[in-house]
């Protein structure tokens, strides 16, 4: 997360007050939360989608849900608040994936007539990204959460353990199993014919 320890030091005192104001309906408090956390959320979403405009749109959706849900939030520290934000972001991504699957289904009948105008390198990059997302989706929920918080949320094992309610040892084990599983999934997919990979990747969008 940009700012790291300095951001924690700056917000540990003020954040509970900002959240309390937001829960009371103070519009300026939501603006302050957005100023503090839109950057990390946008970065997280961009790393998952690799589409800047889409990531920006999804960030807006995340904070709309924050506005709707903050009334029921019990503040227990910034790291748990960040975990709440990333959970919302993950749910927004799931919703986006479902919308894309629905769109892909509606285009199925005409998909053979579509030609991708992008260059070969862009298409190869797209397949690589989709394959990784497809592989991550095959992990257990705990494994996905640990990977997202570790590599996209820039959190330490201790911070992740506090968020998901497990020991640091359990977090390390989940991380190890997740990476090993990803390697196996991607190796298996790399042995499949290109056409089969393309079909499978399209269905996962």
Protein backbone atom coordinates (compact mmCIF):
# COMPACT_ATOMS: atom_id res chain seq x y z
CA UNK A 1 0.00 0.00 0.00
CA UNK A 2 1.44 3.41 -0.92
CA UNK A 3 2.65 5.29 2.11
CA UNK A 4 2.93 2.13 4.21
CA UNK A 5 3.85 2.81 7.84
CA UNK A 6 3.63 6.61 7.43
CA UNK A 7 0.01 6.33 6.31
CA UNK A 8 -0.80 4.10 9.29
CA UNK A 9 0.85 6.60 11.63
CA UNK A 10 -1.07 9.52 10.11
CA UNK A 11 -4.48 7.84 10.14
CA UNK A 12 -4.48 5.74 13.33
CA UNK A 13 -5.75 8.69 15.37
CA UNK A 14 -7.97 10.43 12.82
CA UNK A 15 -9.51 7.46 11.02
CA UNK A 16 -11.94 6.46 13.82
CA UNK A 17 -13.19 10.06 13.93
CA UNK A 18 -13.60 10.17 10.15
CA UNK A 19 -15.54 6.89 10.16
CA UNK A 20 -17.77 8.11 13.00
CA UNK A 21 -18.54 11.26 11.01
CA UNK A 22 -19.23 9.20 7.89
CA UNK A 23 -21.59 6.95 9.83
CA UNK A 24 -23.43 10.11 10.94
CA UNK A 25 -23.90 11.09 7.30
CA UNK A 26 -21.12 13.68 7.01
CA UNK A 27 -20.47 13.92 3.26
CA UNK A 28 -17.03 15.50 3.75
CA UNK A 29 -15.97 12.45 5.77
CA UNK A 30 -16.62 10.21 2.76
CA UNK A 31 -14.46 12.56 0.73
CA UNK A 32 -11.66 12.15 3.25
CA UNK A 33 -11.96 8.34 3.16
CA UNK A 34 -11.84 8.46 -0.62
CA UNK A 35 -8.74 10.68 -0.57
CA UNK A 36 -7.00 8.29 1.82
CA UNK A 37 -7.89 4.94 0.27
CA UNK A 38 -8.97 5.37 -3.35
CA UNK A 39 -5.32 5.04 -4.44
CA UNK A 40 -4.68 1.62 -2.85
CA UNK A 41 -8.08 0.32 -3.99
CA UNK A 42 -7.48 1.54 -7.55
CA UNK A 43 -4.05 -0.10 -7.61
CA UNK A 44 -5.51 -3.38 -6.35
CA UNK A 45 -8.26 -3.33 -8.99
CA UNK A 46 -5.87 -2.37 -11.77
CA UNK A 47 -3.53 -5.23 -10.89
CA UNK A 48 -6.50 -7.59 -11.18
CA UNK A 49 -7.96 -6.17 -14.40
CA UNK A 50 -5.02 -4.45 -16.17
CA UNK A 51 -7.58 -1.99 -17.53
CA UNK A 52 -7.15 1.54 -16.18
CA UNK A 53 -10.59 2.85 -17.12
CA UNK A 54 -12.34 -0.28 -15.82
CA UNK A 55 -10.33 -0.13 -12.58
CA UNK A 56 -11.40 3.49 -12.10
CA UNK A 57 -15.06 2.61 -12.68
CA UNK A 58 -14.84 -0.30 -10.24
CA UNK A 59 -13.16 1.94 -7.65
CA UNK A 60 -16.16 4.26 -7.83
CA UNK A 61 -18.44 1.24 -7.33
CA UNK A 62 -16.41 0.16 -4.29
CA UNK A 63 -16.86 3.53 -2.59
CA UNK A 64 -20.56 3.61 -3.41
CA UNK A 65 -20.79 0.34 -1.48
CA UNK A 66 -18.68 1.86 1.30
CA UNK A 67 -21.22 4.68 1.62
CA UNK A 68 -24.07 2.16 1.78
CA UNK A 69 -22.35 -0.21 4.20
CA UNK A 70 -20.32 1.95 6.56
CA UNK A 71 -23.25 2.38 8.94
CA UNK A 72 -22.86 -1.24 10.05
CA UNK A 73 -19.06 -1.14 10.33
CA UNK A 74 -17.42 -1.61 13.73
CA UNK A 75 -14.00 0.03 13.61
CA UNK A 76 -11.25 -2.20 15.04
CA UNK A 77 -8.12 -0.68 13.54
CA UNK A 78 -6.94 0.48 10.14
CA UNK A 79 -5.77 -2.94 8.96
CA UNK A 80 -9.17 -4.48 9.55
CA UNK A 81 -10.75 -1.47 7.85
CA UNK A 82 -8.45 -2.09 4.87
CA UNK A 83 -9.48 -5.74 4.90
CA UNK A 84 -13.12 -4.60 4.73
CA UNK A 85 -12.31 -2.36 1.76
CA UNK A 86 -10.47 -5.15 -0.08
CA UNK A 87 -13.34 -7.56 0.61
CA UNK A 88 -15.74 -5.07 -1.00
CA UNK A 89 -13.32 -4.68 -3.93
CA UNK A 90 -13.17 -8.47 -4.35
CA UNK A 91 -16.97 -8.65 -4.40
CA UNK A 92 -17.07 -5.88 -7.01
CA UNK A 93 -14.62 -7.87 -9.15
CA UNK A 94 -16.80 -10.97 -8.83
CA UNK A 95 -19.80 -8.95 -9.98
CA UNK A 96 -17.83 -7.62 -12.94
CA UNK A 97 -16.77 -11.15 -13.90
CA UNK A 98 -20.40 -12.29 -13.83
CA UNK A 99 -21.44 -9.39 -16.06
CA UNK A 100 -18.69 -10.30 -18.52
CA UNK A 101 -19.75 -13.96 -18.54
CA UNK A 102 -23.31 -12.90 -19.30
CA UNK A 103 -22.07 -10.70 -22.14
CA UNK A 104 -19.87 -13.50 -23.50
CA UNK A 105 -22.87 -15.83 -23.50
CA UNK A 106 -25.00 -13.32 -25.38
CA UNK A 107 -22.27 -12.95 -28.01
CA UNK A 108 -21.72 -16.69 -28.37
CA UNK A 109 -23.73 -17.02 -31.57
CA UNK A 110 -21.65 -14.41 -33.40
CA UNK A 111 -18.28 -15.01 -31.74
CA UNK A 112 -16.85 -16.83 -34.79
CA UNK A 113 -17.30 -13.66 -36.85
CA UNK A 114 -15.30 -11.48 -34.47
CA UNK A 115 -11.69 -10.62 -35.31
CA UNK A 116 -9.41 -9.07 -32.70
CA UNK A 117 -7.77 -6.00 -34.30
CA UNK A 118 -4.97 -5.82 -31.74
CA UNK A 119 -1.42 -6.89 -32.40
CA UNK A 120 -0.13 -10.38 -31.67
CA UNK A 121 1.76 -9.26 -28.55
CA UNK A 122 -1.35 -7.65 -27.05
CA UNK A 123 -3.41 -10.76 -27.72
CA UNK A 124 -0.72 -12.97 -26.14
CA UNK A 125 -0.63 -10.66 -23.09
CA UNK A 126 -4.42 -10.85 -22.83
CA UNK A 127 -4.38 -14.65 -22.85
CA UNK A 128 -1.64 -14.70 -20.22
CA UNK A 129 -3.62 -12.37 -17.93
CA UNK A 130 -6.90 -14.23 -18.41
CA UNK A 131 -5.18 -17.55 -17.76
CA UNK A 132 -3.79 -16.24 -14.46
CA UNK A 133 -7.19 -14.90 -13.37
CA UNK A 134 -8.80 -18.20 -14.38
CA UNK A 135 -6.18 -20.08 -12.34
CA UNK A 136 -6.64 -17.86 -9.27
CA UNK A 137 -10.39 -18.47 -9.45
CA UNK A 138 -9.72 -22.21 -9.01
CA UNK A 139 -8.04 -21.69 -5.62
CA UNK A 140 -9.91 -21.98 -2.34
CA UNK A 141 -11.45 -18.81 -0.93
CA UNK A 142 -8.81 -18.64 1.84
CA UNK A 143 -5.98 -19.11 -0.66
CA UNK A 144 -7.35 -16.37 -2.92
CA UNK A 145 -7.73 -13.95 -0.02
CA UNK A 146 -4.17 -14.54 1.23
CA UNK A 147 -2.68 -14.04 -2.25
CA UNK A 148 -4.69 -10.88 -2.89
CA UNK A 149 -3.80 -9.28 0.43
CA UNK A 150 -0.15 -10.34 0.17
CA UNK A 151 0.69 -9.45 -3.40
CA UNK A 152 -1.98 -6.88 -4.30
CA UNK A 153 -2.56 -5.34 -0.87
CA UNK A 154 1.17 -5.25 0.03
CA UNK A 155 0.42 -6.60 3.51
CA UNK A 156 2.70 -8.58 5.79
CA UNK A 157 1.83 -12.09 6.99
CA UNK A 158 1.15 -10.65 10.45
CA UNK A 159 -1.30 -8.09 9.05
CA UNK A 160 -3.05 -10.74 6.92
CA UNK A 161 -3.32 -13.04 9.94
CA UNK A 162 -5.10 -10.29 11.89
CA UNK A 163 -7.54 -9.65 9.05
CA UNK A 164 -8.53 -13.26 8.31
CA UNK A 165 -8.36 -14.47 11.91
CA UNK A 166 -5.61 -17.06 11.45
CA UNK A 167 -2.06 -17.50 12.77
CA UNK A 168 0.98 -16.31 10.81
CA UNK A 169 1.93 -19.97 10.34
CA UNK A 170 -1.46 -20.70 8.80
CA UNK A 171 -1.09 -17.70 6.49
CA UNK A 172 2.35 -18.91 5.35
CA UNK A 173 0.96 -22.39 4.72
CA UNK A 174 -1.98 -21.00 2.74
CA UNK A 175 0.37 -18.84 0.70
CA UNK A 176 2.67 -21.78 -0.05
CA UNK A 177 -0.20 -24.07 -1.06
CA UNK A 178 -1.78 -21.33 -3.19
CA UNK A 179 1.43 -20.66 -5.13
CA UNK A 180 2.04 -24.39 -5.61
CA UNK A 181 -1.54 -24.87 -6.83
CA UNK A 182 -1.22 -21.93 -9.22
CA UNK A 183 1.96 -23.39 -10.69
CA UNK A 184 0.26 -26.74 -11.27
CA UNK A 185 -2.85 -25.14 -12.82
CA UNK A 186 -0.84 -22.92 -15.16
CA UNK A 187 1.48 -25.79 -16.15
CA UNK A 188 -1.53 -27.96 -16.96
CA UNK A 189 -3.12 -25.18 -19.02
CA UNK A 190 0.13 -24.58 -20.89
CA UNK A 191 0.02 -28.16 -22.15
CA UNK A 192 -3.49 -27.74 -23.57
CA UNK A 193 -3.99 -26.84 -27.24
CA UNK A 194 -4.22 -23.08 -27.87
CA UNK A 195 -7.83 -23.33 -29.03
CA UNK A 196 -8.88 -25.15 -25.86
CA UNK A 197 -7.12 -22.53 -23.74
CA UNK A 198 -8.83 -19.73 -25.63
CA UNK A 199 -12.28 -21.26 -25.15
CA UNK A 200 -11.65 -21.90 -21.45
CA UNK A 201 -10.33 -18.39 -20.89
CA UNK A 202 -13.29 -16.80 -22.67
CA UNK A 203 -15.72 -18.76 -20.52
CA UNK A 204 -13.96 -17.54 -17.36
CA UNK A 205 -14.45 -13.84 -18.16
